[in-house]
Amino acid sequence: MSQENPSNSSTNIAVLVSCLLFLMYFLYDKHKENERMYKICQDQEEVIKELQQAIHLQTFYIKQLESMNSSSYNNLDFPLNKNEI
């Protein structure tokens, strides 16, 4: 049975610690990237909700305008020609 050289074992420990530190940094970096992406998704979700509300309001206003215009056209005795517009 052979014994390892003390400098050899300290080199192995240094390599192991370096690998662990690299792994910890990699995981930390991935965690930060995931947090950033999550924040972007949350912001997009809020914007989508605001846009949906705006579309709903625009649809409501368009329907109101259409109903007002159709009722005003129905009250005319004769259709308008191009020269009268």
Protein backbone atom coordinates (compact mmCIF):
# COMPACT_ATOMS: atom_id res chain seq x y z
CA MET A 1 0.00 0.00 0.00
CA SER A 2 1.43 3.31 -1.03
CA GLN A 3 1.00 6.55 0.85
CA GLU A 4 0.24 9.77 -0.98
CA ASN A 5 2.67 12.61 -0.90
CA PRO A 6 1.35 15.47 1.33
CA SER A 7 1.86 17.99 -1.49
CA ASN A 8 -0.11 15.70 -3.80
CA SER A 9 -3.08 15.58 -1.42
CA SER A 10 -3.01 19.36 -0.90
CA THR A 11 -3.06 19.79 -4.68
CA ASN A 12 -6.09 17.49 -4.88
CA ILE A 13 -7.84 19.47 -2.16
CA ALA A 14 -7.05 22.75 -3.95
CA VAL A 15 -8.49 21.36 -7.21
CA LEU A 16 -11.58 20.13 -5.38
CA VAL A 17 -12.11 23.49 -3.66
CA SER A 18 -11.63 25.30 -6.99
CA CYS A 19 -14.21 23.04 -8.64
CA LEU A 20 -16.65 23.65 -5.79
CA LEU A 21 -16.15 27.40 -5.98
CA PHE A 22 -16.66 27.33 -9.74
CA LEU A 23 -19.84 25.27 -9.30
CA MET A 24 -21.14 27.65 -6.62
CA TYR A 25 -20.46 30.66 -8.86
CA PHE A 26 -22.16 28.95 -11.80
CA LEU A 27 -25.26 28.18 -9.70
CA TYR A 28 -25.32 31.74 -8.31
CA ASP A 29 -25.05 33.18 -11.81
CA LYS A 30 -27.90 30.94 -13.05
CA HIS A 31 -30.01 31.96 -10.05
CA LYS A 32 -29.49 35.67 -10.82
CA GLU A 33 -30.36 35.09 -14.49
CA ASN A 34 -33.53 33.22 -13.49
CA GLU A 35 -34.54 36.06 -11.17
CA ARG A 36 -33.99 38.57 -13.98
CA MET A 37 -36.10 36.51 -16.40
CA TYR A 38 -38.84 36.09 -13.79
CA LYS A 39 -38.97 39.87 -13.30
CA ILE A 40 -39.21 40.40 -17.06
CA CYS A 41 -42.09 37.89 -17.26
CA GLN A 42 -43.92 39.61 -14.41
CA ASP A 43 -43.51 43.00 -16.11
CA GLN A 44 -44.79 41.55 -19.40
CA GLU A 45 -47.79 40.05 -17.62
CA GLU A 46 -48.71 43.47 -16.20
CA VAL A 47 -48.35 45.09 -19.62
CA ILE A 48 -50.51 42.39 -21.22
CA LYS A 49 -53.24 43.00 -18.62
CA GLU A 50 -53.13 46.75 -19.31
CA LEU A 51 -53.29 46.15 -23.07
CA GLN A 52 -56.24 43.78 -22.66
CA GLN A 53 -58.06 46.43 -20.63
CA ALA A 54 -57.30 49.05 -23.29
CA ILE A 55 -58.59 46.74 -26.04
CA HIS A 56 -61.75 46.09 -24.03
CA LEU A 57 -62.34 49.84 -23.59
CA GLN A 58 -61.67 50.53 -27.27
CA THR A 59 -64.14 47.80 -28.25
CA PHE A 60 -66.73 49.33 -25.92
CA TYR A 61 -66.22 52.83 -27.38
CA ILE A 62 -66.36 51.52 -30.95
CA LYS A 63 -69.64 49.76 -30.23
CA GLN A 64 -71.00 52.96 -28.67
CA LEU A 65 -69.96 54.99 -31.72
CA GLU A 66 -71.46 52.41 -34.09
CA SER A 67 -74.75 52.42 -32.22
CA MET A 68 -74.85 56.25 -32.15
CA ASN A 69 -74.05 56.47 -35.86
CA SER A 70 -76.53 53.81 -36.89
CA SER A 71 -79.32 55.47 -34.92
CA SER A 72 -78.52 58.87 -36.45
CA TYR A 73 -78.48 57.38 -39.97
CA ASN A 74 -81.79 55.66 -39.31
CA ASN A 75 -83.37 59.05 -38.54
CA LEU A 76 -82.54 60.43 -42.00
CA ASP A 77 -85.36 60.51 -44.56
CA PHE A 78 -82.99 60.05 -47.48
CA PRO A 79 -79.42 58.77 -47.91
CA LEU A 80 -76.62 61.29 -48.15
CA ASN A 81 -74.84 61.61 -51.46
CA LYS A 82 -71.15 62.44 -51.86
CA ASN A 83 -71.75 66.13 -52.54
CA GLU A 84 -73.53 66.70 -49.23
CA ILE A 85 -70.74 65.30 -47.06
